[in-house]
Protein backbone atom coordinates (compact mmCIF):
# COMPACT_ATOMS: atom_id res chain seq x y z
CA MET A 1 11.98 -2.55 -19.01
CA SER A 2 10.35 0.69 -18.04
CA LEU A 3 11.27 2.32 -14.73
CA ILE A 4 7.52 2.71 -13.92
CA VAL A 5 5.06 -0.15 -14.20
CA ALA A 6 1.31 -0.41 -13.82
CA TYR A 7 -0.12 -0.87 -10.37
CA ASP A 8 -0.15 -4.42 -9.14
CA PRO A 9 -2.91 -5.24 -6.59
CA ALA A 10 -0.57 -7.78 -4.96
CA TRP A 11 1.77 -5.01 -3.82
CA GLU A 12 -0.41 -4.19 -0.79
CA ARG A 13 -0.35 -7.75 0.56
CA ARG A 14 3.33 -8.27 -0.23
CA GLY A 15 4.26 -4.93 1.29
CA LEU A 16 2.59 -5.95 4.55
CA GLU A 17 4.28 -9.32 4.50
CA LEU A 18 7.73 -7.75 3.88
CA ALA A 19 7.14 -5.23 6.71
CA ALA A 20 6.19 -8.16 9.05
CA GLU A 21 9.31 -10.07 8.01
CA ILE A 22 11.55 -7.08 8.59
CA ARG A 23 9.84 -6.38 11.96
CA SER A 24 10.49 -9.95 13.10
CA LEU A 25 14.09 -9.81 11.87
CA LEU A 26 14.99 -6.53 13.55
CA GLY A 27 13.37 -7.03 16.97
CA PRO A 28 12.49 -4.41 19.55
CA LEU A 29 14.78 -1.65 18.26
CA ALA A 30 12.34 -1.40 15.29
CA LEU A 31 9.50 0.53 16.92
CA ARG A 32 7.40 0.49 13.73
CA VAL A 33 7.87 -1.01 10.27
CA GLU A 34 5.62 0.38 7.57
CA HIS A 35 5.07 -0.08 3.85
CA ILE A 36 5.45 3.39 2.33
CA GLY A 37 6.03 4.85 -1.10
CA SER A 38 4.16 4.40 -4.35
CA THR A 39 3.71 0.63 -4.07
CA SER A 40 1.69 1.27 -0.86
CA ILE A 41 -0.85 3.45 -2.64
CA PRO A 42 -3.76 1.63 -4.37
CA GLY A 43 -3.89 2.30 -8.08
CA MET A 44 -0.50 4.00 -8.23
CA ALA A 45 1.93 3.13 -11.07
CA ALA A 46 5.36 2.75 -9.55
CA LYS A 47 8.87 1.47 -9.75
CA PRO A 48 8.53 -2.23 -8.82
CA VAL A 49 10.36 -1.57 -5.52
CA PHE A 50 9.01 -1.92 -2.05
CA ASP A 51 9.85 1.09 0.14
CA LEU A 52 9.73 0.22 3.81
CA GLN A 53 10.24 2.55 6.76
CA VAL A 54 11.66 1.45 10.09
CA SER A 55 11.12 3.89 12.96
CA VAL A 56 13.73 3.82 15.71
CA ALA A 57 14.74 5.72 18.83
CA GLY A 58 18.41 6.05 17.81
CA LEU A 59 19.89 5.76 14.36
CA ASP A 60 23.46 4.73 15.17
CA ALA A 61 22.46 1.96 17.61
CA ALA A 62 19.83 0.72 15.19
CA ALA A 63 22.19 0.74 12.24
CA ALA A 64 24.82 -1.21 14.19
CA ALA A 65 22.25 -3.73 15.28
CA PHE A 66 20.49 -4.00 11.90
CA ASP A 67 23.48 -4.32 9.55
CA GLY A 68 24.02 -8.04 10.14
CA PRO A 69 20.40 -9.25 10.04
CA LEU A 70 19.63 -7.04 7.03
CA ALA A 71 22.69 -8.29 5.12
CA GLY A 72 21.49 -11.85 5.77
CA PHE A 73 18.14 -10.83 4.35
CA GLY A 74 19.79 -9.46 1.17
CA LEU A 75 19.87 -5.73 2.07
CA ASP A 76 23.10 -3.72 2.23
CA ARG A 77 23.61 -0.35 3.85
CA ARG A 78 24.15 2.51 1.39
CA PRO A 79 25.72 5.88 2.09
CA TYR A 80 22.47 7.87 1.77
CA ASP A 81 22.11 9.29 5.31
CA SER A 82 19.72 12.20 4.72
CA ASP A 83 16.49 12.99 2.95
CA HIS A 84 15.49 15.85 0.71
CA VAL A 85 14.10 18.71 2.81
CA PRO A 86 10.94 19.90 1.04
CA ALA A 87 10.86 23.41 -0.38
CA GLY A 88 9.28 25.80 2.10
CA TYR A 89 10.49 23.87 5.15
CA ASP A 90 13.01 25.76 7.25
CA ASP A 91 14.23 22.70 9.12
CA PRO A 92 17.93 22.14 9.38
CA PRO A 93 19.01 19.14 7.34
CA SER A 94 20.15 17.48 10.59
CA LEU A 95 16.48 16.81 11.34
CA TRP A 96 16.17 14.76 8.07
CA VAL A 97 18.78 12.15 8.79
CA LYS A 98 18.23 8.44 8.20
CA ARG A 99 20.02 5.18 7.55
CA TYR A 100 19.30 3.36 4.30
CA TRP A 101 19.65 -0.22 3.01
CA ASN A 102 18.55 -1.70 -0.28
CA GLY A 103 18.79 -4.87 -2.33
CA PHE A 104 16.84 -7.86 -3.44
CA ALA A 105 15.29 -9.56 -0.46
CA GLY A 106 12.38 -11.44 0.96
CA GLU A 107 11.95 -15.08 1.68
CA ALA A 108 9.43 -15.75 -1.07
CA GLY A 109 10.30 -13.71 -4.11
CA GLY A 110 13.46 -11.69 -4.08
CA GLU A 111 11.69 -8.32 -4.38
CA ARG A 112 13.66 -5.11 -4.67
CA ILE A 113 13.49 -3.25 -1.34
CA ASN A 114 14.53 0.23 -0.23
CA LEU A 115 14.63 0.26 3.59
CA HIS A 116 14.55 3.72 5.13
CA CYS A 117 15.41 3.83 8.86
CA ARG A 118 14.23 7.12 10.44
CA LEU A 119 13.97 8.54 13.89
CA ALA A 120 10.52 8.11 15.47
CA GLY A 121 8.83 11.52 15.49
CA SER A 122 11.23 13.05 12.94
CA PRO A 123 9.89 15.16 10.09
CA ASN A 124 11.10 12.67 7.46
CA GLU A 125 9.42 9.74 9.24
CA ARG A 126 6.15 11.76 9.36
CA LEU A 127 6.44 12.90 5.77
CA ALA A 128 6.70 9.42 4.32
CA LEU A 129 3.47 8.45 6.11
CA LEU A 130 1.71 11.68 5.24
CA PHE A 131 2.53 11.26 1.55
CA ARG A 132 1.18 7.72 1.53
CA ASP A 133 -1.96 8.50 3.60
CA TRP A 134 -2.85 11.63 1.63
CA PHE A 135 -2.87 9.70 -1.67
CA ARG A 136 -4.82 6.87 -0.04
CA ALA A 137 -7.44 9.46 0.99
CA HIS A 138 -7.41 11.18 -2.41
CA ALA A 139 -7.77 8.45 -4.98
CA LEU A 140 -8.63 10.94 -7.73
CA ALA A 141 -5.11 12.38 -7.50
CA VAL A 142 -3.44 8.99 -8.05
CA PRO A 143 -3.88 8.75 -11.88
CA ALA A 144 -2.50 12.30 -12.36
CA TYR A 145 0.59 11.62 -10.25
CA ALA A 146 1.09 8.24 -11.87
CA SER A 147 0.84 9.79 -15.29
CA PHE A 148 3.47 12.37 -14.33
CA LYS A 149 5.83 9.64 -13.11
CA GLU A 150 5.39 7.62 -16.31
CA SER A 151 5.97 10.68 -18.54
CA LEU A 152 9.04 11.71 -16.49
CA ALA A 153 10.57 8.25 -16.59
CA SER A 154 10.13 8.16 -20.37
CA ALA A 155 11.57 11.71 -20.78
CA VAL A 156 14.71 10.94 -18.81
CA ASP A 157 15.24 7.51 -20.41
CA ASP A 158 14.66 5.79 -17.05
CA ASP A 159 17.72 7.47 -15.47
CA VAL A 160 16.85 6.95 -11.78
CA GLU A 161 19.01 9.85 -10.46
CA VAL A 162 17.60 12.40 -12.90
CA TYR A 163 14.11 11.00 -12.37
CA THR A 164 14.45 11.60 -8.60
CA ASP A 165 15.92 15.07 -8.97
CA VAL A 166 13.03 16.19 -11.23
CA LYS A 167 10.35 14.43 -9.17
CA ASP A 168 11.38 16.01 -5.80
CA PRO A 169 9.81 19.45 -6.47
CA VAL A 170 6.52 17.79 -7.54
CA VAL A 171 6.55 15.75 -4.29
CA ASP A 172 7.04 19.07 -2.51
CA LEU A 173 3.81 20.35 -4.20
CA VAL A 174 1.95 17.24 -3.04
CA VAL A 175 3.34 17.67 0.48
CA ALA A 176 2.15 21.29 0.61
CA VAL A 177 -1.43 20.15 -0.14
CA ALA A 178 -1.10 17.14 2.13
CA GLU A 179 0.01 19.30 5.05
CA GLU A 180 -3.19 21.40 4.67
CA TRP A 181 -5.22 18.18 4.63
CA ALA A 182 -3.39 16.90 7.75
CA ALA A 183 -4.12 20.13 9.56
CA ALA A 184 -7.79 20.19 8.50
CA THR A 185 -8.45 16.54 9.37
CA GLY A 186 -6.27 16.13 12.41
CA TRP A 187 -4.22 13.43 10.73
CA THR A 188 -1.32 12.08 12.66
CA PRO A 189 1.02 9.18 11.84
């Protein structure tokens, strides 16, 4: 099976359902739960994985409270506690911390989920939403980015780690343009 698959119009509805399920599961420590990543962008070819973002006031307290309910939902915490800092950002990596769970979950389908728990107001929380919203506002950019992802996945024989390493600088290019758009439009998460 290819790492990247054609867009599925059902992703939008299912992403919202999964976000609602996670929100209900995690309670008030989860300030926001959002469907992010490529499956949240209409028309975008993607890995058939739902990326969800949980925004919290404190990572350690949230992680301790979330581990049990998320394990019961089919998601296990992984040791990926920071995000890639985009090229051109001079932020210390300590601003890009997170907690991360993944697995097959969901009450009605066993979808693959990557759950990113980030601090509310942090640059990595904002970036995930900016990336999604910029593509939603620029539908003409979606086929080009999707084509890049499909070609990359094929070139690296669907090796997820190499795929991610090569894709990160291209994401940085998108982010540079998205930041200009955010400034020009007054976009906020």
